[in-house]
Amino acid sequence: GEEDAKRRAANNAKLSEGERVYQDGDDLLMPRDTTAA
C-alpha cells in the first residue's frame, strides 16, 4: 500500500550500486486520479 511505498522510496539509499532504484508511480495498480482538485 501507500505507506509501504513511502518506506520503499526511503530505502533506495540502502540499495547497492547497480540495484534497480524505486521510482514512485511505476508500481501503481490503478492510475492516479488526475482530475481531482
PDB file of all heavy atoms in Angstrom:
ATOM      1  N   GLY A   1       0.798  -1.215   0.000  1.00  0.00           N
ATOM      2  CA  GLY A   1       0.000   0.000   0.000  1.00  0.00           C
ATOM      3  C   GLY A   1       0.833   1.268   0.000  1.00  0.00           C
ATOM      4  O   GLY A   1       2.051   1.245  -0.212  1.00  0.00           O
ATOM      5  N   GLU A   2       0.176   2.389   0.270  1.00  0.00           N
ATOM      6  CA  GLU A   2       0.811   3.695   0.140  1.00  0.00           C
ATOM      7  C   GLU A   2       1.907   3.929   1.179  1.00  0.00           C
ATOM      8  O   GLU A   2       2.980   4.444   0.857  1.00  0.00           O
ATOM      9  CB  GLU A   2      -0.253   4.786   0.232  1.00  0.00           C
ATOM     10  CG  GLU A   2      -1.248   4.769  -0.926  1.00  0.00           C
ATOM     11  CD  GLU A   2      -0.546   4.819  -2.270  1.00  0.00           C
ATOM     12  OE1 GLU A   2       0.128   5.832  -2.566  1.00  0.00           O
ATOM     13  OE2 GLU A   2      -0.659   3.834  -3.027  1.00  0.00           O
ATOM     14  N   GLU A   3       1.656   3.567   2.429  1.00  0.00           N
ATOM     15  CA  GLU A   3       2.692   3.753   3.445  1.00  0.00           C
ATOM     16  C   GLU A   3       3.901   2.872   3.149  1.00  0.00           C
ATOM     17  O   GLU A   3       5.043   3.262   3.407  1.00  0.00           O
ATOM     18  CB  GLU A   3       2.130   3.450   4.843  1.00  0.00           C
ATOM     19  CG  GLU A   3       1.117   4.472   5.332  1.00  0.00           C
ATOM     20  CD  GLU A   3       1.691   5.880   5.370  1.00  0.00           C
ATOM     21  OE1 GLU A   3       2.828   6.041   5.883  1.00  0.00           O
ATOM     22  OE2 GLU A   3       1.013   6.803   4.892  1.00  0.00           O
ATOM     23  N   ASP A   4       3.633   1.689   2.607  1.00  0.00           N
ATOM     24  CA  ASP A   4       4.731   0.796   2.242  1.00  0.00           C
ATOM     25  C   ASP A   4       5.566   1.391   1.111  1.00  0.00           C
ATOM     26  O   ASP A   4       6.789   1.238   1.073  1.00  0.00           O
ATOM     27  CB  ASP A   4       4.172  -0.569   1.827  1.00  0.00           C
ATOM     28  CG  ASP A   4       3.223  -1.141   2.860  1.00  0.00           C
ATOM     29  OD1 ASP A   4       3.653  -1.272   4.020  1.00  0.00           O
ATOM     30  OD2 ASP A   4       2.077  -1.446   2.507  1.00  0.00           O
ATOM     31  N   ALA A   5       4.899   2.071   0.179  1.00  0.00           N
ATOM     32  CA  ALA A   5       5.618   2.708  -0.931  1.00  0.00           C
ATOM     33  C   ALA A   5       6.548   3.804  -0.423  1.00  0.00           C
ATOM     34  O   ALA A   5       7.660   3.986  -0.941  1.00  0.00           O
ATOM     35  CB  ALA A   5       4.623   3.268  -1.938  1.00  0.00           C
ATOM     36  N   LYS A   6       6.119   4.536   0.599  1.00  0.00           N
ATOM     37  CA  LYS A   6       6.988   5.553   1.192  1.00  0.00           C
ATOM     38  C   LYS A   6       8.231   4.910   1.804  1.00  0.00           C
ATOM     39  O   LYS A   6       9.345   5.432   1.694  1.00  0.00           O
ATOM     40  CB  LYS A   6       6.221   6.335   2.257  1.00  0.00           C
ATOM     41  CG  LYS A   6       5.080   7.179   1.710  1.00  0.00           C
ATOM     42  CD  LYS A   6       4.330   7.858   2.843  1.00  0.00           C
ATOM     43  CE  LYS A   6       3.122   8.636   2.320  1.00  0.00           C
ATOM     44  NZ  LYS A   6       2.345   9.256   3.430  1.00  0.00           N
ATOM     45  N   ARG A   7       8.030   3.768   2.460  1.00  0.00           N
ATOM     46  CA  ARG A   7       9.159   3.050   3.042  1.00  0.00           C
ATOM     47  C   ARG A   7      10.111   2.573   1.941  1.00  0.00           C
ATOM     48  O   ARG A   7      11.334   2.649   2.072  1.00  0.00           O
ATOM     49  CB  ARG A   7       8.656   1.858   3.856  1.00  0.00           C
ATOM     50  CG  ARG A   7       9.768   1.088   4.572  1.00  0.00           C
ATOM     51  CD  ARG A   7       9.230  -0.118   5.316  1.00  0.00           C
ATOM     52  NE  ARG A   7       8.266   0.271   6.345  1.00  0.00           N
ATOM     53  CZ  ARG A   7       6.976   0.014   6.300  1.00  0.00           C
ATOM     54  NH1 ARG A   7       6.470  -0.653   5.266  1.00  0.00           N
ATOM     55  NH2 ARG A   7       6.177   0.400   7.256  1.00  0.00           N
ATOM     56  N   ARG A   8       9.537   2.097   0.844  1.00  0.00           N
ATOM     57  CA  ARG A   8      10.365   1.628  -0.265  1.00  0.00           C
ATOM     58  C   ARG A   8      11.210   2.764  -0.829  1.00  0.00           C
ATOM     59  O   ARG A   8      12.407   2.588  -1.114  1.00  0.00           O
ATOM     60  CB  ARG A   8       9.479   1.039  -1.364  1.00  0.00           C
ATOM     61  CG  ARG A   8      10.260   0.381  -2.475  1.00  0.00           C
ATOM     62  CD  ARG A   8       9.367  -0.194  -3.549  1.00  0.00           C
ATOM     63  NE  ARG A   8      10.166  -0.913  -4.531  1.00  0.00           N
ATOM     64  CZ  ARG A   8       9.694  -1.380  -5.681  1.00  0.00           C
ATOM     65  NH1 ARG A   8       8.408  -1.216  -5.993  1.00  0.00           N
ATOM     66  NH2 ARG A   8      10.492  -2.025  -6.514  1.00  0.00           N
ATOM     67  N   ALA A   9      10.600   3.943  -1.003  1.00  0.00           N
ATOM     68  CA  ALA A   9      11.348   5.088  -1.528  1.00  0.00           C
ATOM     69  C   ALA A   9      12.473   5.488  -0.575  1.00  0.00           C
ATOM     70  O   ALA A   9      13.595   5.785  -1.005  1.00  0.00           O
ATOM     71  CB  ALA A   9      10.397   6.262  -1.763  1.00  0.00           C
ATOM     72  N   ALA A  10      12.190   5.469   0.719  1.00  0.00           N
ATOM     73  CA  ALA A  10      13.203   5.843   1.708  1.00  0.00           C
ATOM     74  C   ALA A  10      14.370   4.868   1.709  1.00  0.00           C
ATOM     75  O   ALA A  10      15.516   5.255   1.989  1.00  0.00           O
ATOM     76  CB  ALA A  10      12.568   5.913   3.096  1.00  0.00           C
ATOM     77  N   ASN A  11      14.099   3.597   1.374  1.00  0.00           N
ATOM     78  CA  ASN A  11      15.152   2.577   1.402  1.00  0.00           C
ATOM     79  C   ASN A  11      15.980   2.529   0.126  1.00  0.00           C
ATOM     80  O   ASN A  11      16.894   1.699   0.022  1.00  0.00           O
ATOM     81  CB  ASN A  11      14.537   1.199   1.669  1.00  0.00           C
ATOM     82  CG  ASN A  11      14.203   1.003   3.140  1.00  0.00           C
ATOM     83  OD1 ASN A  11      14.763   1.673   4.010  1.00  0.00           O
ATOM     84  ND2 ASN A  11      13.288   0.089   3.428  1.00  0.00           N
ATOM     85  N   ASN A  12      15.691   3.403  -0.841  1.00  0.00           N
ATOM     86  CA  ASN A  12      16.558   3.492  -2.025  1.00  0.00           C
ATOM     87  C   ASN A  12      18.007   3.738  -1.622  1.00  0.00           C
ATOM     88  O   ASN A  12      18.938   3.239  -2.258  1.00  0.00           O
ATOM     89  CB  ASN A  12      16.100   4.624  -2.946  1.00  0.00           C
ATOM     90  CG  ASN A  12      15.028   4.190  -3.933  1.00  0.00           C
ATOM     91  OD1 ASN A  12      14.864   3.009  -4.204  1.00  0.00           O
ATOM     92  ND2 ASN A  12      14.306   5.157  -4.487  1.00  0.00           N
ATOM     93  N   ALA A  13      18.169   4.514  -0.543  1.00  0.00           N
ATOM     94  CA  ALA A  13      19.521   4.862  -0.091  1.00  0.00           C
ATOM     95  C   ALA A  13      20.293   3.660   0.415  1.00  0.00           C
ATOM     96  O   ALA A  13      21.527   3.720   0.539  1.00  0.00           O
ATOM     97  CB  ALA A  13      19.439   5.927   0.996  1.00  0.00           C
ATOM     98  N   LYS A  14      19.588   2.551   0.698  1.00  0.00           N
ATOM     99  CA  LYS A  14      20.249   1.367   1.234  1.00  0.00           C
ATOM    100  C   LYS A  14      20.507   0.303   0.167  1.00  0.00           C
ATOM    101  O   LYS A  14      20.971  -0.788   0.487  1.00  0.00           O
ATOM    102  CB  LYS A  14      19.402   0.767   2.360  1.00  0.00           C
ATOM    103  CG  LYS A  14      19.205   1.721   3.539  1.00  0.00           C
ATOM    104  CD  LYS A  14      18.346   1.106   4.622  1.00  0.00           C
ATOM    105  CE  LYS A  14      18.137   2.074   5.779  1.00  0.00           C
ATOM    106  NZ  LYS A  14      17.293   1.487   6.854  1.00  0.00           N
ATOM    107  N   LEU A  15      20.196   0.613  -1.091  1.00  0.00           N
ATOM    108  CA  LEU A  15      20.419  -0.346  -2.170  1.00  0.00           C
ATOM    109  C   LEU A  15      21.843  -0.261  -2.681  1.00  0.00           C
ATOM    110  O   LEU A  15      22.408   0.832  -2.826  1.00  0.00           O
ATOM    111  CB  LEU A  15      19.446  -0.086  -3.324  1.00  0.00           C
ATOM    112  CG  LEU A  15      17.950  -0.209  -3.009  1.00  0.00           C
ATOM    113  CD1 LEU A  15      17.124   0.115  -4.242  1.00  0.00           C
ATOM    114  CD2 LEU A  15      17.623  -1.605  -2.494  1.00  0.00           C
ATOM    115  N   SER A  16      22.424  -1.400  -2.962  1.00  0.00           N
ATOM    116  CA  SER A  16      23.777  -1.449  -3.515  1.00  0.00           C
ATOM    117  C   SER A  16      23.795  -0.836  -4.906  1.00  0.00           C
ATOM    118  O   SER A  16      22.788  -0.837  -5.629  1.00  0.00           O
ATOM    119  CB  SER A  16      24.261  -2.897  -3.577  1.00  0.00           C
ATOM    120  OG  SER A  16      25.512  -2.990  -4.208  1.00  0.00           O
ATOM    121  N   GLU A  17      24.932  -0.336  -5.295  1.00  0.00           N
ATOM    122  CA  GLU A  17      25.091   0.217  -6.642  1.00  0.00           C
ATOM    123  C   GLU A  17      24.772  -0.864  -7.682  1.00  0.00           C
ATOM    124  O   GLU A  17      25.242  -1.992  -7.578  1.00  0.00           O
ATOM    125  CB  GLU A  17      26.518   0.729  -6.841  1.00  0.00           C
ATOM    126  CG  GLU A  17      26.753   1.400  -8.172  1.00  0.00           C
ATOM    127  CD  GLU A  17      28.161   1.942  -8.311  1.00  0.00           C
ATOM    128  OE1 GLU A  17      28.910   1.907  -7.308  1.00  0.00           O
ATOM    129  OE2 GLU A  17      28.512   2.389  -9.412  1.00  0.00           O
ATOM    130  N   GLY A  18      23.937  -0.519  -8.639  1.00  0.00           N
ATOM    131  CA  GLY A  18      23.539  -1.479  -9.663  1.00  0.00           C
ATOM    132  C   GLY A  18      22.171  -2.084  -9.435  1.00  0.00           C
ATOM    133  O   GLY A  18      21.578  -2.649 -10.355  1.00  0.00           O
ATOM    134  N   GLU A  19      21.642  -1.984  -8.209  1.00  0.00           N
ATOM    135  CA  GLU A  19      20.292  -2.468  -7.935  1.00  0.00           C
ATOM    136  C   GLU A  19      19.272  -1.501  -8.537  1.00  0.00           C
ATOM    137  O   GLU A  19      19.533  -0.301  -8.664  1.00  0.00           O
ATOM    138  CB  GLU A  19      20.055  -2.605  -6.436  1.00  0.00           C
ATOM    139  CG  GLU A  19      20.914  -3.638  -5.746  1.00  0.00           C
ATOM    140  CD  GLU A  19      20.548  -5.056  -6.142  1.00  0.00           C
ATOM    141  OE1 GLU A  19      19.379  -5.301  -6.514  1.00  0.00           O
ATOM    142  OE2 GLU A  19      21.437  -5.923  -6.085  1.00  0.00           O
ATOM    143  N   ARG A  20      18.118  -2.023  -8.910  1.00  0.00           N
ATOM    144  CA  ARG A  20      17.085  -1.175  -9.505  1.00  0.00           C
ATOM    145  C   ARG A  20      16.524  -0.230  -8.447  1.00  0.00           C
ATOM    146  O   ARG A  20      15.999  -0.663  -7.426  1.00  0.00           O
ATOM    147  CB  ARG A  20      15.962  -2.031 -10.095  1.00  0.00           C
ATOM    148  CG  ARG A  20      14.879  -1.219 -10.798  1.00  0.00           C
ATOM    149  CD  ARG A  20      13.909  -2.128 -11.539  1.00  0.00           C
ATOM    150  NE  ARG A  20      13.100  -2.917 -10.620  1.00  0.00           N
ATOM    151  CZ  ARG A  20      11.929  -2.517 -10.122  1.00  0.00           C
ATOM    152  NH1 ARG A  20      11.452  -1.326 -10.452  1.00  0.00           N
ATOM    153  NH2 ARG A  20      11.229  -3.288  -9.305  1.00  0.00           N
ATOM    154  N   VAL A  21      16.619   1.067  -8.723  1.00  0.00           N
ATOM    155  CA  VAL A  21      16.137   2.081  -7.800  1.00  0.00           C
ATOM    156  C   VAL A  21      14.639   2.276  -8.015  1.00  0.00           C
ATOM    157  O   VAL A  21      14.157   2.350  -9.149  1.00  0.00           O
ATOM    158  CB  VAL A  21      16.889   3.414  -8.005  1.00  0.00           C
ATOM    159  CG1 VAL A  21      16.308   4.506  -7.114  1.00  0.00           C
ATOM    160  CG2 VAL A  21      18.371   3.229  -7.707  1.00  0.00           C
ATOM    161  N   TYR A  22      13.911   2.376  -6.939  1.00  0.00           N
ATOM    162  CA  TYR A  22      12.453   2.530  -6.998  1.00  0.00           C
ATOM    163  C   TYR A  22      12.084   3.936  -7.418  1.00  0.00           C
ATOM    164  O   TYR A  22      12.615   4.929  -6.897  1.00  0.00           O
ATOM    165  CB  TYR A  22      11.860   2.212  -5.632  1.00  0.00           C
ATOM    166  CG  TYR A  22      10.397   2.546  -5.492  1.00  0.00           C
ATOM    167  CD1 TYR A  22       9.448   1.941  -6.317  1.00  0.00           C
ATOM    168  CD2 TYR A  22       9.962   3.455  -4.539  1.00  0.00           C
ATOM    169  CE1 TYR A  22       8.097   2.227  -6.178  1.00  0.00           C
ATOM    170  CE2 TYR A  22       8.615   3.746  -4.386  1.00  0.00           C
ATOM    171  CZ  TYR A  22       7.686   3.143  -5.211  1.00  0.00           C
ATOM    172  OH  TYR A  22       6.356   3.436  -5.083  1.00  0.00           O
ATOM    173  N   GLN A  23      11.152   4.042  -8.364  1.00  0.00           N
ATOM    174  CA  GLN A  23      10.596   5.320  -8.775  1.00  0.00           C
ATOM    175  C   GLN A  23       9.098   5.313  -8.477  1.00  0.00           C
ATOM    176  O   GLN A  23       8.358   4.478  -9.000  1.00  0.00           O
ATOM    177  CB  GLN A  23      10.850   5.567 -10.260  1.00  0.00           C
ATOM    178  CG  GLN A  23      12.319   5.708 -10.602  1.00  0.00           C
ATOM    179  CD  GLN A  23      12.556   6.009 -12.066  1.00  0.00           C
ATOM    180  OE1 GLN A  23      11.628   6.001 -12.866  1.00  0.00           O
ATOM    181  NE2 GLN A  23      13.801   6.297 -12.416  1.00  0.00           N
ATOM    182  N   ASP A  24       8.670   6.239  -7.657  1.00  0.00           N
ATOM    183  CA  ASP A  24       7.274   6.298  -7.245  1.00  0.00           C
ATOM    184  C   ASP A  24       6.348   6.405  -8.456  1.00  0.00           C
ATOM    185  O   ASP A  24       6.567   7.226  -9.348  1.00  0.00           O
ATOM    186  CB  ASP A  24       7.063   7.496  -6.325  1.00  0.00           C
ATOM    187  CG  ASP A  24       5.640   7.596  -5.813  1.00  0.00           C
ATOM    188  OD1 ASP A  24       5.028   6.538  -5.591  1.00  0.00           O
ATOM    189  OD2 ASP A  24       5.157   8.728  -5.643  1.00  0.00           O
ATOM    190  N   GLY A  25       5.335   5.552  -8.476  1.00  0.00           N
ATOM    191  CA  GLY A  25       4.363   5.576  -9.566  1.00  0.00           C
ATOM    192  C   GLY A  25       4.483   4.402 -10.503  1.00  0.00           C
ATOM    193  O   GLY A  25       3.499   4.014 -11.143  1.00  0.00           O
ATOM    194  N   ASP A  26       5.679   3.815 -10.606  1.00  0.00           N
ATOM    195  CA  ASP A  26       5.883   2.676 -11.503  1.00  0.00           C
ATOM    196  C   ASP A  26       5.070   1.461 -11.075  1.00  0.00           C
ATOM    197  O   ASP A  26       4.815   0.566 -11.879  1.00  0.00           O
ATOM    198  CB  ASP A  26       7.367   2.289 -11.544  1.00  0.00           C
ATOM    199  CG  ASP A  26       8.210   3.318 -12.291  1.00  0.00           C
ATOM    200  OD1 ASP A  26       7.611   4.229 -12.884  1.00  0.00           O
ATOM    201  OD2 ASP A  26       9.443   3.192 -12.262  1.00  0.00           O
ATOM    202  N   ASP A  27       4.664   1.430  -9.829  1.00  0.00           N
ATOM    203  CA  ASP A  27       4.058   0.241  -9.255  1.00  0.00           C
ATOM    204  C   ASP A  27       2.553   0.375  -8.996  1.00  0.00           C
ATOM    205  O   ASP A  27       1.944  -0.505  -8.405  1.00  0.00           O
ATOM    206  CB  ASP A  27       4.745  -0.088  -7.931  1.00  0.00           C
ATOM    207  CG  ASP A  27       4.790   1.107  -6.982  1.00  0.00           C
ATOM    208  OD1 ASP A  27       4.475   2.228  -7.437  1.00  0.00           O
ATOM    209  OD2 ASP A  27       5.155   0.927  -5.800  1.00  0.00           O
ATOM    210  N   LEU A  28       1.939   1.469  -9.426  1.00  0.00           N
ATOM    211  CA  LEU A  28       0.526   1.690  -9.150  1.00  0.00           C
ATOM    212  C   LEU A  28      -0.346   0.663  -9.828  1.00  0.00           C
ATOM    213  O   LEU A  28      -0.178   0.364 -11.007  1.00  0.00           O
ATOM    214  CB  LEU A  28       0.117   3.091  -9.609  1.00  0.00           C
ATOM    215  CG  LEU A  28       0.584   4.264  -8.733  1.00  0.00           C
ATOM    216  CD1 LEU A  28       0.345   5.588  -9.454  1.00  0.00           C
ATOM    217  CD2 LEU A  28      -0.136   4.246  -7.395  1.00  0.00           C
ATOM    218  N   LEU A  29      -1.292   0.112  -9.081  1.00  0.00           N
ATOM    219  CA  LEU A  29      -2.260  -0.807  -9.664  1.00  0.00           C
ATOM    220  C   LEU A  29      -3.384  -0.072 -10.372  1.00  0.00           C
ATOM    221  O   LEU A  29      -3.985  -0.589 -11.314  1.00  0.00           O
ATOM    222  CB  LEU A  29      -2.849  -1.706  -8.568  1.00  0.00           C
ATOM    223  CG  LEU A  29      -1.984  -2.891  -8.150  1.00  0.00           C
ATOM    224  CD1 LEU A  29      -2.522  -3.523  -6.881  1.00  0.00           C
ATOM    225  CD2 LEU A  29      -1.893  -3.917  -9.256  1.00  0.00           C
ATOM    226  N   MET A  30      -3.684   1.121  -9.903  1.00  0.00           N
ATOM    227  CA  MET A  30      -4.711   1.948 -10.538  1.00  0.00           C
ATOM    228  C   MET A  30      -4.132   3.324 -10.771  1.00  0.00           C
ATOM    229  O   MET A  30      -3.458   3.883  -9.882  1.00  0.00           O
ATOM    230  CB  MET A  30      -5.943   2.030  -9.633  1.00  0.00           C
ATOM    231  CG  MET A  30      -6.702   0.722  -9.532  1.00  0.00           C
ATOM    232  SD  MET A  30      -7.801   0.628  -8.083  1.00  0.00           S
ATOM    233  CE  MET A  30      -6.626   0.279  -6.761  1.00  0.00           C
ATOM    234  N   PRO A  31      -4.346   3.904 -11.967  1.00  0.00           N
ATOM    235  CA  PRO A  31      -3.751   5.239 -12.248  1.00  0.00           C
ATOM    236  C   PRO A  31      -4.284   6.278 -11.302  1.00  0.00           C
ATOM    237  O   PRO A  31      -5.409   6.205 -10.802  1.00  0.00           O
ATOM    238  CB  PRO A  31      -4.184   5.502 -13.696  1.00  0.00           C
ATOM    239  CG  PRO A  31      -5.392   4.647 -13.908  1.00  0.00           C
ATOM    240  CD  PRO A  31      -5.167   3.423 -13.070  1.00  0.00           C
ATOM    241  N   ARG A  32      -3.424   7.261 -10.990  1.00  0.00           N
ATOM    242  CA  ARG A  32      -3.857   8.345 -10.131  1.00  0.00           C
ATOM    243  C   ARG A  32      -4.964   9.140 -10.802  1.00  0.00           C
ATOM    244  O   ARG A  32      -5.020   9.287 -12.013  1.00  0.00           O
ATOM    245  CB  ARG A  32      -2.664   9.262  -9.820  1.00  0.00           C
ATOM    246  CG  ARG A  32      -1.636   8.670  -8.876  1.00  0.00           C
ATOM    247  CD  ARG A  32      -0.693   9.733  -8.396  1.00  0.00           C
ATOM    248  NE  ARG A  32       0.219   9.245  -7.375  1.00  0.00           N
ATOM    249  CZ  ARG A  32       1.476   8.863  -7.635  1.00  0.00           C
ATOM    250  NH1 ARG A  32       1.943   8.921  -8.858  1.00  0.00           N
ATOM    251  NH2 ARG A  32       2.240   8.416  -6.659  1.00  0.00           N
ATOM    252  N   ASP A  33      -5.841   9.664  -9.975  1.00  0.00           N
ATOM    253  CA  ASP A  33      -6.930  10.493 -10.479  1.00  0.00           C
ATOM    254  C   ASP A  33      -6.408  11.904 -10.734  1.00  0.00           C
ATOM    255  O   ASP A  33      -6.249  12.707  -9.821  1.00  0.00           O
ATOM    256  CB  ASP A  33      -8.068  10.537  -9.458  1.00  0.00           C
ATOM    257  CG  ASP A  33      -9.289  11.291  -9.982  1.00  0.00           C
ATOM    258  OD1 ASP A  33      -9.220  11.806 -11.117  1.00  0.00           O
ATOM    259  OD2 ASP A  33     -10.278  11.393  -9.235  1.00  0.00           O
ATOM    260  N   THR A  34      -6.095  12.170 -12.003  1.00  0.00           N
ATOM    261  CA  THR A  34      -5.503  13.470 -12.358  1.00  0.00           C
ATOM    262  C   THR A  34      -6.544  14.575 -12.446  1.00  0.00           C
ATOM    263  O   THR A  34      -6.223  15.735 -12.622  1.00  0.00           O
ATOM    264  CB  THR A  34      -4.765  13.369 -13.695  1.00  0.00           C
ATOM    265  OG1 THR A  34      -5.701  12.921 -14.698  1.00  0.00           O
ATOM    266  CG2 THR A  34      -3.619  12.382 -13.604  1.00  0.00           C
ATOM    267  N   THR A  35      -7.836  14.203 -12.335  1.00  0.00           N
ATOM    268  CA  THR A  35      -8.896  15.213 -12.447  1.00  0.00           C
ATOM    269  C   THR A  35      -9.254  15.795 -11.094  1.00  0.00           C
ATOM    270  O   THR A  35      -9.994  16.777 -11.017  1.00  0.00           O
ATOM    271  CB  THR A  35     -10.164  14.588 -13.066  1.00  0.00           C
ATOM    272  OG1 THR A  35     -10.671  13.580 -12.170  1.00  0.00           O
ATOM    273  CG2 THR A  35      -9.851  13.976 -14.413  1.00  0.00           C
ATOM    274  N   ALA A  36      -8.757  15.179 -10.027  1.00  0.00           N
ATOM    275  CA  ALA A  36      -9.085  15.689  -8.682  1.00  0.00           C
ATOM    276  C   ALA A  36      -8.461  17.044  -8.452  1.00  0.00           C
ATOM    277  O   ALA A  36      -7.358  17.342  -8.916  1.00  0.00           O
ATOM    278  CB  ALA A  36      -8.617  14.706  -7.619  1.00  0.00           C
ATOM    279  N   ALA A  37      -9.174  17.902  -7.744  1.00  0.00           N
ATOM    280  CA  ALA A  37      -8.673  19.253  -7.480  1.00  0.00           C
ATOM    281  C   ALA A  37      -7.497  19.209  -6.544  1.00  0.00           C
ATOM    282  O   ALA A  37      -7.413  18.352  -5.674  1.00  0.00           O
ATOM    283  CB  ALA A  37      -9.796  20.083  -6.869  1.00  0.00           C
TER     284      ALA A  37
END
